[in-house]
Amino acid sequence: MPELHSEAARIFGDRVRSSRLQLGVSQEHVAELAEMHVTNVGKIERGQTNPSLSTIVALAGALSADPGSWVTGIRPEMVPGRSHTLTAAEFIRERSRRA
């Protein structure tokens, strides 16, 4: 079985699946309504891919969901491979301190 893309992708996928199940529709129906392939819906729900913004919006439209609710609480450290750990505020504060 393919691995998770990230903890963020797993959480996001769980939320998409929950929205779909609350409506009682299949992945096939969601895929048709979102104009995407059903295998992509499955991969997203299993957290095996990192969907683009246009895909997220298409899924949200198909499920009459607020896409923001799917990403609430997901933090940068849940996405692997980030080389920067500072926020913009921390960067500005450090730059000012050094000047």
PDB file of N, CA and C in Angstrom:
ATOM      1  N   MET A   1       0.852  -1.193   0.000  1.00  0.00           N
ATOM      2  CA  MET A   1       0.000   0.000   0.000  1.00  0.00           C
ATOM      3  C   MET A   1       0.887   1.242   0.000  1.00  0.00           C
ATOM      4  N   PRO A   2       0.579   2.227  -0.859  1.00  0.00           N
ATOM      5  CA  PRO A   2       1.382   3.454  -0.892  1.00  0.00           C
ATOM      6  C   PRO A   2       1.370   4.175   0.449  1.00  0.00           C
ATOM      7  N   GLU A   3       2.452   4.899   0.697  1.00  0.00           N
ATOM      8  CA  GLU A   3       2.595   5.611   1.963  1.00  0.00           C
ATOM      9  C   GLU A   3       1.827   6.924   1.956  1.00  0.00           C
ATOM     10  N   LEU A   4       1.623   7.433   3.157  1.00  0.00           N
ATOM     11  CA  LEU A   4       1.037   8.760   3.308  1.00  0.00           C
ATOM     12  C   LEU A   4       1.973   9.792   2.715  1.00  0.00           C
ATOM     13  N   HIS A   5       1.406  10.833   2.131  1.00  0.00           N
ATOM     14  CA  HIS A   5       2.218  11.942   1.640  1.00  0.00           C
ATOM     15  C   HIS A   5       2.752  12.738   2.823  1.00  0.00           C
ATOM     16  N   SER A   6       1.895  12.994   3.805  1.00  0.00           N
ATOM     17  CA  SER A   6       2.272  13.727   5.010  1.00  0.00           C
ATOM     18  C   SER A   6       1.136  13.618   6.021  1.00  0.00           C
ATOM     19  N   GLU A   7       1.412  14.023   7.240  1.00  0.00           N
ATOM     20  CA  GLU A   7       0.359  14.077   8.257  1.00  0.00           C
ATOM     21  C   GLU A   7      -0.713  15.075   7.837  1.00  0.00           C
ATOM     22  N   ALA A   8      -0.305  16.174   7.229  1.00  0.00           N
ATOM     23  CA  ALA A   8      -1.268  17.166   6.748  1.00  0.00           C
ATOM     24  C   ALA A   8      -2.183  16.553   5.692  1.00  0.00           C
ATOM     25  N   ALA A   9      -1.623  15.783   4.772  1.00  0.00           N
ATOM     26  CA  ALA A   9      -2.422  15.141   3.727  1.00  0.00           C
ATOM     27  C   ALA A   9      -3.390  14.127   4.322  1.00  0.00           C
ATOM     28  N   ARG A  10      -2.971  13.421   5.378  1.00  0.00           N
ATOM     29  CA  ARG A  10      -3.849  12.443   6.025  1.00  0.00           C
ATOM     30  C   ARG A  10      -5.047  13.137   6.657  1.00  0.00           C
ATOM     31  N   ILE A  11      -4.776  14.211   7.393  1.00  0.00           N
ATOM     32  CA  ILE A  11      -5.853  14.963   8.048  1.00  0.00           C
ATOM     33  C   ILE A  11      -6.793  15.542   7.006  1.00  0.00           C
ATOM     34  N   PHE A  12      -6.238  16.142   5.979  1.00  0.00           N
ATOM     35  CA  PHE A  12      -7.046  16.722   4.916  1.00  0.00           C
ATOM     36  C   PHE A  12      -7.927  15.653   4.275  1.00  0.00           C
ATOM     37  N   GLY A  13      -7.331  14.521   3.943  1.00  0.00           N
ATOM     38  CA  GLY A  13      -8.079  13.430   3.322  1.00  0.00           C
ATOM     39  C   GLY A  13      -9.187  12.899   4.203  1.00  0.00           C
ATOM     40  N   ASP A  14      -8.902  12.777   5.491  1.00  0.00           N
ATOM     41  CA  ASP A  14      -9.944  12.339   6.433  1.00  0.00           C
ATOM     42  C   ASP A  14     -11.130  13.297   6.424  1.00  0.00           C
ATOM     43  N   ARG A  15     -10.846  14.580   6.331  1.00  0.00           N
ATOM     44  CA  ARG A  15     -11.908  15.587   6.350  1.00  0.00           C
ATOM     45  C   ARG A  15     -12.722  15.564   5.052  1.00  0.00           C
ATOM     46  N   VAL A  16     -12.049  15.348   3.932  1.00  0.00           N
ATOM     47  CA  VAL A  16     -12.766  15.227   2.662  1.00  0.00           C
ATOM     48  C   VAL A  16     -13.672  13.998   2.715  1.00  0.00           C
ATOM     49  N   ARG A  17     -13.127  12.872   3.170  1.00  0.00           N
ATOM     50  CA  ARG A  17     -13.913  11.635   3.274  1.00  0.00           C
ATOM     51  C   ARG A  17     -15.121  11.836   4.187  1.00  0.00           C
ATOM     52  N   SER A  18     -14.904  12.494   5.315  1.00  0.00           N
ATOM     53  CA  SER A  18     -15.995  12.752   6.249  1.00  0.00           C
ATOM     54  C   SER A  18     -17.097  13.580   5.590  1.00  0.00           C
ATOM     55  N   SER A  19     -16.713  14.600   4.843  1.00  0.00           N
ATOM     56  CA  SER A  19     -17.701  15.430   4.140  1.00  0.00           C
ATOM     57  C   SER A  19     -18.489  14.586   3.141  1.00  0.00           C
ATOM     58  N   ARG A  20     -17.788  13.726   2.431  1.00  0.00           N
ATOM     59  CA  ARG A  20     -18.448  12.871   1.437  1.00  0.00           C
ATOM     60  C   ARG A  20     -19.411  11.902   2.099  1.00  0.00           C
ATOM     61  N   LEU A  21     -18.956  11.260   3.176  1.00  0.00           N
ATOM     62  CA  LEU A  21     -19.794  10.276   3.854  1.00  0.00           C
ATOM     63  C   LEU A  21     -21.018  10.910   4.508  1.00  0.00           C
ATOM     64  N   GLN A  22     -20.864  12.133   5.009  1.00  0.00           N
ATOM     65  CA  GLN A  22     -22.013  12.836   5.598  1.00  0.00           C
ATOM     66  C   GLN A  22     -23.115  13.050   4.576  1.00  0.00           C
ATOM     67  N   LEU A  23     -22.719  13.217   3.319  1.00  0.00           N
ATOM     68  CA  LEU A  23     -23.703  13.398   2.254  1.00  0.00           C
ATOM     69  C   LEU A  23     -24.199  12.060   1.699  1.00  0.00           C
ATOM     70  N   GLY A  24     -23.479  10.993   2.022  1.00  0.00           N
ATOM     71  CA  GLY A  24     -23.879   9.672   1.553  1.00  0.00           C
ATOM     72  C   GLY A  24     -23.648   9.448   0.072  1.00  0.00           C
ATOM     73  N   VAL A  25     -22.593  10.052  -0.465  1.00  0.00           N
ATOM     74  CA  VAL A  25     -22.281   9.866  -1.883  1.00  0.00           C
ATOM     75  C   VAL A  25     -20.986   9.084  -2.049  1.00  0.00           C
ATOM     76  N   SER A  26     -20.855   8.439  -3.189  1.00  0.00           N
ATOM     77  CA  SER A  26     -19.676   7.620  -3.469  1.00  0.00           C
ATOM     78  C   SER A  26     -18.521   8.479  -3.987  1.00  0.00           C
ATOM     79  N   GLN A  27     -17.330   7.901  -3.961  1.00  0.00           N
ATOM     80  CA  GLN A  27     -16.177   8.567  -4.558  1.00  0.00           C
ATOM     81  C   GLN A  27     -16.410   8.797  -6.049  1.00  0.00           C
ATOM     82  N   GLU A  28     -17.082   7.841  -6.687  1.00  0.00           N
ATOM     83  CA  GLU A  28     -17.367   7.964  -8.122  1.00  0.00           C
ATOM     84  C   GLU A  28     -18.228   9.198  -8.410  1.00  0.00           C
ATOM     85  N   HIS A  29     -19.260   9.407  -7.588  1.00  0.00           N
ATOM     86  CA  HIS A  29     -20.127  10.567  -7.791  1.00  0.00           C
ATOM     87  C   HIS A  29     -19.366  11.867  -7.546  1.00  0.00           C
ATOM     88  N   VAL A  30     -18.554  11.893  -6.503  1.00  0.00           N
ATOM     89  CA  VAL A  30     -17.761  13.095  -6.213  1.00  0.00           C
ATOM     90  C   VAL A  30     -16.800  13.375  -7.361  1.00  0.00           C
ATOM     91  N   ALA A  31     -16.152  12.330  -7.846  1.00  0.00           N
ATOM     92  CA  ALA A  31     -15.211  12.501  -8.957  1.00  0.00           C
ATOM     93  C   ALA A  31     -15.909  13.083 -10.184  1.00  0.00           C
ATOM     94  N   GLU A  32     -17.081  12.566 -10.485  1.00  0.00           N
ATOM     95  CA  GLU A  32     -17.827  13.072 -11.641  1.00  0.00           C
ATOM     96  C   GLU A  32     -18.200  14.535 -11.445  1.00  0.00           C
ATOM     97  N   LEU A  33     -18.705  14.869 -10.267  1.00  0.00           N
ATOM     98  CA  LEU A  33     -19.115  16.243  -9.997  1.00  0.00           C
ATOM     99  C   LEU A  33     -17.928  17.207  -9.968  1.00  0.00           C
ATOM    100  N   ALA A  34     -16.775  16.731  -9.507  1.00  0.00           N
ATOM    101  CA  ALA A  34     -15.569  17.570  -9.423  1.00  0.00           C
ATOM    102  C   ALA A  34     -14.752  17.533 -10.710  1.00  0.00           C
ATOM    103  N   GLU A  35     -15.227  16.738 -11.683  1.00  0.00           N
ATOM    104  CA  GLU A  35     -14.545  16.596 -12.969  1.00  0.00           C
ATOM    105  C   GLU A  35     -13.103  16.137 -12.802  1.00  0.00           C
ATOM    106  N   MET A  36     -12.954  15.039 -12.058  1.00  0.00           N
ATOM    107  CA  MET A  36     -11.642  14.444 -11.848  1.00  0.00           C
ATOM    108  C   MET A  36     -11.777  12.928 -11.861  1.00  0.00           C
ATOM    109  N   HIS A  37     -10.666  12.233 -11.909  1.00  0.00           N
ATOM    110  CA  HIS A  37     -10.697  10.773 -11.936  1.00  0.00           C
ATOM    111  C   HIS A  37     -10.923  10.234 -10.535  1.00  0.00           C
ATOM    112  N   VAL A  38     -11.698   9.174 -10.444  1.00  0.00           N
ATOM    113  CA  VAL A  38     -12.042   8.587  -9.145  1.00  0.00           C
ATOM    114  C   VAL A  38     -10.808   8.137  -8.371  1.00  0.00           C
ATOM    115  N   THR A  39      -9.764   7.676  -9.062  1.00  0.00           N
ATOM    116  CA  THR A  39      -8.561   7.247  -8.336  1.00  0.00           C
ATOM    117  C   THR A  39      -7.921   8.415  -7.602  1.00  0.00           C
ATOM    118  N   ASN A  40      -8.046   9.621  -8.156  1.00  0.00           N
ATOM    119  CA  ASN A  40      -7.499  10.805  -7.476  1.00  0.00           C
ATOM    120  C   ASN A  40      -8.264  11.108  -6.200  1.00  0.00           C
ATOM    121  N   VAL A  41      -9.584  10.943  -6.234  1.00  0.00           N
ATOM    122  CA  VAL A  41     -10.384  11.158  -5.030  1.00  0.00           C
ATOM    123  C   VAL A  41      -9.930  10.175  -3.952  1.00  0.00           C
ATOM    124  N   GLY A  42      -9.753   8.916  -4.319  1.00  0.00           N
ATOM    125  CA  GLY A  42      -9.310   7.906  -3.359  1.00  0.00           C
ATOM    126  C   GLY A  42      -7.954   8.226  -2.774  1.00  0.00           C
ATOM    127  N   LYS A  43      -7.014   8.644  -3.610  1.00  0.00           N
ATOM    128  CA  LYS A  43      -5.673   8.992  -3.134  1.00  0.00           C
ATOM    129  C   LYS A  43      -5.722  10.170  -2.163  1.00  0.00           C
ATOM    130  N   ILE A  44      -6.560  11.148  -2.475  1.00  0.00           N
ATOM    131  CA  ILE A  44      -6.693  12.307  -1.584  1.00  0.00           C
ATOM    132  C   ILE A  44      -7.266  11.864  -0.248  1.00  0.00           C
ATOM    133  N   GLU A  45      -8.316  11.063  -0.276  1.00  0.00           N
ATOM    134  CA  GLU A  45      -8.945  10.613   0.977  1.00  0.00           C
ATOM    135  C   GLU A  45      -8.007   9.744   1.810  1.00  0.00           C
ATOM    136  N   ARG A  46      -7.095   9.032   1.171  1.00  0.00           N
ATOM    137  CA  ARG A  46      -6.139   8.195   1.914  1.00  0.00           C
ATOM    138  C   ARG A  46      -4.878   8.952   2.311  1.00  0.00           C
ATOM    139  N   GLY A  47      -4.782  10.227   1.936  1.00  0.00           N
ATOM    140  CA  GLY A  47      -3.617  11.031   2.289  1.00  0.00           C
ATOM    141  C   GLY A  47      -2.378  10.680   1.502  1.00  0.00           C
ATOM    142  N   GLN A  48      -2.555  10.133   0.312  1.00  0.00           N
ATOM    143  CA  GLN A  48      -1.424   9.682  -0.492  1.00  0.00           C
ATOM    144  C   GLN A  48      -0.958  10.701  -1.520  1.00  0.00           C
ATOM    145  N   THR A  49      -1.606  11.844  -1.552  1.00  0.00           N
ATOM    146  CA  THR A  49      -1.237  12.883  -2.504  1.00  0.00           C
ATOM    147  C   THR A  49      -1.483  14.254  -1.889  1.00  0.00           C
ATOM    148  N   ASN A  50      -0.867  15.244  -2.484  1.00  0.00           N
ATOM    149  CA  ASN A  50      -1.007  16.620  -2.031  1.00  0.00           C
ATOM    150  C   ASN A  50      -1.789  17.371  -3.103  1.00  0.00           C
ATOM    151  N   PRO A  51      -3.113  17.545  -2.940  1.00  0.00           N
ATOM    152  CA  PRO A  51      -3.922  18.142  -4.000  1.00  0.00           C
ATOM    153  C   PRO A  51      -3.621  19.615  -4.217  1.00  0.00           C
ATOM    154  N   SER A  52      -3.798  20.037  -5.476  1.00  0.00           N
ATOM    155  CA  SER A  52      -3.617  21.447  -5.824  1.00  0.00           C
ATOM    156  C   SER A  52      -4.809  22.261  -5.322  1.00  0.00           C
ATOM    157  N   LEU A  53      -4.652  23.556  -5.323  1.00  0.00           N
ATOM    158  CA  LEU A  53      -5.736  24.438  -4.903  1.00  0.00           C
ATOM    159  C   LEU A  53      -6.960  24.245  -5.788  1.00  0.00           C
ATOM    160  N   SER A  54      -6.766  24.123  -7.093  1.00  0.00           N
ATOM    161  CA  SER A  54      -7.916  23.951  -7.980  1.00  0.00           C
ATOM    162  C   SER A  54      -8.641  22.641  -7.689  1.00  0.00           C
ATOM    163  N   THR A  55      -7.906  21.596  -7.324  1.00  0.00           N
ATOM    164  CA  THR A  55      -8.528  20.324  -6.960  1.00  0.00           C
ATOM    165  C   THR A  55      -9.307  20.462  -5.661  1.00  0.00           C
ATOM    166  N   ILE A  56      -8.736  21.144  -4.692  1.00  0.00           N
ATOM    167  CA  ILE A  56      -9.416  21.354  -3.405  1.00  0.00           C
ATOM    168  C   ILE A  56     -10.720  22.111  -3.621  1.00  0.00           C
ATOM    169  N   VAL A  57     -10.679  23.155  -4.426  1.00  0.00           N
ATOM    170  CA  VAL A  57     -11.876  23.956  -4.679  1.00  0.00           C
ATOM    171  C   VAL A  57     -12.912  23.138  -5.449  1.00  0.00           C
ATOM    172  N   ALA A  58     -12.473  22.323  -6.404  1.00  0.00           N
ATOM    173  CA  ALA A  58     -13.417  21.482  -7.156  1.00  0.00           C
ATOM    174  C   ALA A  58     -14.095  20.473  -6.233  1.00  0.00           C
ATOM    175  N   LEU A  59     -13.324  19.851  -5.341  1.00  0.00           N
ATOM    176  CA  LEU A  59     -13.908  18.903  -4.385  1.00  0.00           C
ATOM    177  C   LEU A  59     -14.891  19.610  -3.454  1.00  0.00           C
ATOM    178  N   ALA A  60     -14.503  20.768  -2.976  1.00  0.00           N
ATOM    179  CA  ALA A  60     -15.379  21.520  -2.071  1.00  0.00           C
ATOM    180  C   ALA A  60     -16.686  21.891  -2.770  1.00  0.00           C
ATOM    181  N   GLY A  61     -16.584  22.291  -4.021  1.00  0.00           N
ATOM    182  CA  GLY A  61     -17.789  22.614  -4.770  1.00  0.00           C
ATOM    183  C   GLY A  61     -18.689  21.405  -4.936  1.00  0.00           C
ATOM    184  N   ALA A  62     -18.096  20.261  -5.252  1.00  0.00           N
ATOM    185  CA  ALA A  62     -18.872  19.036  -5.433  1.00  0.00           C
ATOM    186  C   ALA A  62     -19.560  18.606  -4.143  1.00  0.00           C
ATOM    187  N   LEU A  63     -18.912  18.873  -3.014  1.00  0.00           N
ATOM    188  CA  LEU A  63     -19.432  18.430  -1.720  1.00  0.00           C
ATOM    189  C   LEU A  63     -20.133  19.555  -0.942  1.00  0.00           C
ATOM    190  N   SER A  64     -20.299  20.700  -1.562  1.00  0.00           N
ATOM    191  CA  SER A  64     -20.909  21.868  -0.892  1.00  0.00           C
ATOM    192  C   SER A  64     -20.240  22.129   0.455  1.00  0.00           C
ATOM    193  N   ALA A  65     -18.924  22.101   0.439  1.00  0.00           N
ATOM    194  CA  ALA A  65     -18.142  22.261   1.671  1.00  0.00           C
ATOM    195  C   ALA A  65     -17.304  23.533   1.599  1.00  0.00           C
ATOM    196  N   ASP A  66     -16.934  24.027   2.761  1.00  0.00           N
ATOM    197  CA  ASP A  66     -16.008  25.153   2.861  1.00  0.00           C
ATOM    198  C   ASP A  66     -14.599  24.563   2.857  1.00  0.00           C
ATOM    199  N   PRO A  67     -13.803  24.813   1.818  1.00  0.00           N
ATOM    200  CA  PRO A  67     -12.461  24.216   1.786  1.00  0.00           C
ATOM    201  C   PRO A  67     -11.590  24.642   2.966  1.00  0.00           C
ATOM    202  N   GLY A  68     -11.880  25.802   3.537  1.00  0.00           N
ATOM    203  CA  GLY A  68     -11.124  26.263   4.701  1.00  0.00           C
ATOM    204  C   GLY A  68     -11.281  25.337   5.893  1.00  0.00           C
ATOM    205  N   SER A  69     -12.455  24.730   6.011  1.00  0.00           N
ATOM    206  CA  SER A  69     -12.673  23.821   7.142  1.00  0.00           C
ATOM    207  C   SER A  69     -11.806  22.579   7.032  1.00  0.00           C
ATOM    208  N   TRP A  70     -11.392  22.237   5.833  1.00  0.00           N
ATOM    209  CA  TRP A  70     -10.553  21.054   5.637  1.00  0.00           C
ATOM    210  C   TRP A  70      -9.092  21.293   6.033  1.00  0.00           C
ATOM    211  N   VAL A  71      -8.664  22.557   6.061  1.00  0.00           N
ATOM    212  CA  VAL A  71      -7.264  22.842   6.390  1.00  0.00           C
ATOM    213  C   VAL A  71      -7.076  23.479   7.768  1.00  0.00           C
ATOM    214  N   THR A  72      -8.168  23.774   8.454  1.00  0.00           N
ATOM    215  CA  THR A  72      -8.074  24.370   9.783  1.00  0.00           C
ATOM    216  C   THR A  72      -7.239  23.500  10.714  1.00  0.00           C
ATOM    217  N   GLY A  73      -6.275  24.113  11.372  1.00  0.00           N
ATOM    218  CA  GLY A  73      -5.457  23.392  12.338  1.00  0.00           C
ATOM    219  C   GLY A  73      -4.274  22.644  11.754  1.00  0.00           C
ATOM    220  N   ILE A  74      -4.168  22.591  10.439  1.00  0.00           N
ATOM    221  CA  ILE A  74      -3.001  21.945   9.823  1.00  0.00           C
ATOM    222  C   ILE A  74      -1.842  22.928   9.906  1.00  0.00           C
ATOM    223  N   ARG A  75      -0.723  22.456  10.463  1.00  0.00           N
ATOM    224  CA  ARG A  75       0.427  23.325  10.713  1.00  0.00           C
ATOM    225  C   ARG A  75       1.580  22.984   9.762  1.00  0.00           C
ATOM    226  N   PRO A  76       2.450  23.938   9.503  1.00  0.00           N
ATOM    227  CA  PRO A  76       3.569  23.715   8.582  1.00  0.00           C
ATOM    228  C   PRO A  76       4.431  22.508   8.938  1.00  0.00           C
ATOM    229  N   GLU A  77       4.600  22.246  10.217  1.00  0.00           N
ATOM    230  CA  GLU A  77       5.461  21.119  10.603  1.00  0.00           C
ATOM    231  C   GLU A  77       4.841  19.761  10.251  1.00  0.00           C
ATOM    232  N   MET A  78       3.599  19.752   9.833  1.00  0.00           N
ATOM    233  CA  MET A  78       2.943  18.508   9.407  1.00  0.00           C
ATOM    234  C   MET A  78       3.292  18.144   7.966  1.00  0.00           C
ATOM    235  N   VAL A  79       4.001  19.053   7.285  1.00  0.00           N
ATOM    236  CA  VAL A  79       4.418  18.820   5.906  1.00  0.00           C
ATOM    237  C   VAL A  79       5.931  18.600   5.909  1.00  0.00           C
ATOM    238  N   PRO A  80       6.383  17.419   5.498  1.00  0.00           N
ATOM    239  CA  PRO A  80       7.816  17.122   5.528  1.00  0.00           C
ATOM    240  C   PRO A  80       8.588  17.894   4.461  1.00  0.00           C
ATOM    241  N   GLY A  81       9.875  18.052   4.684  1.00  0.00           N
ATOM    242  CA  GLY A  81      10.748  18.642   3.689  1.00  0.00           C
ATOM    243  C   GLY A  81      10.860  20.147   3.718  1.00  0.00           C
ATOM    244  N   ARG A  82      10.282  20.771   4.715  1.00  0.00           N
ATOM    245  CA  ARG A  82      10.398  22.223   4.813  1.00  0.00           C
ATOM    246  C   ARG A  82      11.785  22.581   5.329  1.00  0.00           C
ATOM    247  N   SER A  83      12.475  23.474   4.637  1.00  0.00           N
ATOM    248  CA  SER A  83      13.812  23.869   5.086  1.00  0.00           C
ATOM    249  C   SER A  83      13.774  25.104   5.979  1.00  0.00           C
ATOM    250  N   HIS A  84      12.710  25.888   5.902  1.00  0.00           N
ATOM    251  CA  HIS A  84      12.586  27.083   6.740  1.00  0.00           C
ATOM    252  C   HIS A  84      11.612  26.813   7.875  1.00  0.00           C
ATOM    253  N   THR A  85      12.038  27.196   9.067  1.00  0.00           N
ATOM    254  CA  THR A  85      11.166  26.983  10.224  1.00  0.00           C
ATOM    255  C   THR A  85      10.687  28.283  10.846  1.00  0.00           C
ATOM    256  N   LEU A  86      11.200  29.407  10.374  1.00  0.00           N
ATOM    257  CA  LEU A  86      10.795  30.695  10.923  1.00  0.00           C
ATOM    258  C   LEU A  86       9.501  31.175  10.274  1.00  0.00           C
ATOM    259  N   THR A  87       8.717  31.889  11.041  1.00  0.00           N
ATOM    260  CA  THR A  87       7.576  32.593  10.470  1.00  0.00           C
ATOM    261  C   THR A  87       8.067  33.946   9.971  1.00  0.00           C
ATOM    262  N   ALA A  88       7.251  34.651   9.215  1.00  0.00           N
ATOM    263  CA  ALA A  88       7.632  35.977   8.728  1.00  0.00           C
ATOM    264  C   ALA A  88       7.892  36.928   9.895  1.00  0.00           C
ATOM    265  N   ALA A  89       7.060  36.859  10.932  1.00  0.00           N
ATOM    266  CA  ALA A  89       7.243  37.726  12.099  1.00  0.00           C
ATOM    267  C   ALA A  89       8.579  37.441  12.790  1.00  0.00           C
ATOM    268  N   GLU A  90       8.920  36.167  12.933  1.00  0.00           N
ATOM    269  CA  GLU A  90      10.198  35.804  13.562  1.00  0.00           C
ATOM    270  C   GLU A  90      11.372  36.251  12.698  1.00  0.00           C
ATOM    271  N   PHE A  91      11.249  36.131  11.392  1.00  0.00           N
ATOM    272  CA  PHE A  91      12.295  36.561  10.474  1.00  0.00           C
ATOM    273  C   PHE A  91      12.535  38.062  10.601  1.00  0.00           C
ATOM    274  N   ILE A  92      11.466  38.839  10.600  1.00  0.00           N
ATOM    275  CA  ILE A  92      11.576  40.296  10.708  1.00  0.00           C
ATOM    276  C   ILE A  92      12.188  40.691  12.046  1.00  0.00           C
ATOM    277  N   ARG A  93      11.757  40.045  13.119  1.00  0.00           N
ATOM    278  CA  ARG A  93      12.291  40.327  14.450  1.00  0.00           C
ATOM    279  C   ARG A  93      13.796  40.035  14.492  1.00  0.00           C
ATOM    280  N   GLU A  94      14.211  38.905  13.934  1.00  0.00           N
ATOM    281  CA  GLU A  94      15.635  38.534  13.933  1.00  0.00           C
ATOM    282  C   GLU A  94      16.439  39.489  13.062  1.00  0.00           C
ATOM    283  N   ARG A  95      15.893  39.851  11.925  1.00  0.00           N
ATOM    284  CA  ARG A  95      16.591  40.795  11.020  1.00  0.00           C
ATOM    285  C   ARG A  95      16.752  42.131  11.712  1.00  0.00           C
ATOM    286  N   SER A  96      15.729  42.610  12.415  1.00  0.00           N
ATOM    287  CA  SER A  96      15.805  43.891  13.133  1.00  0.00           C
ATOM    288  C   SER A  96      16.817  43.832  14.260  1.00  0.00           C
ATOM    289  N   ARG A  97      16.868  42.674  14.956  1.00  0.00           N
ATOM    290  CA  ARG A  97      17.808  42.507  16.051  1.00  0.00           C
ATOM    291  C   ARG A  97      19.252  42.594  15.568  1.00  0.00           C
ATOM    292  N   ARG A  98      19.508  42.058  14.384  1.00  0.00           N
ATOM    293  CA  ARG A  98      20.873  42.042  13.844  1.00  0.00           C
ATOM    294  C   ARG A  98      21.286  43.372  13.231  1.00  0.00           C
ATOM    295  N   ALA A  99      20.331  44.240  12.921  1.00  0.00           N
ATOM    296  CA  ALA A  99      20.649  45.523  12.253  1.00  0.00           C
ATOM    297  C   ALA A  99      21.186  46.548  13.225  1.00  0.00           C
TER     298      ALA A  99
END
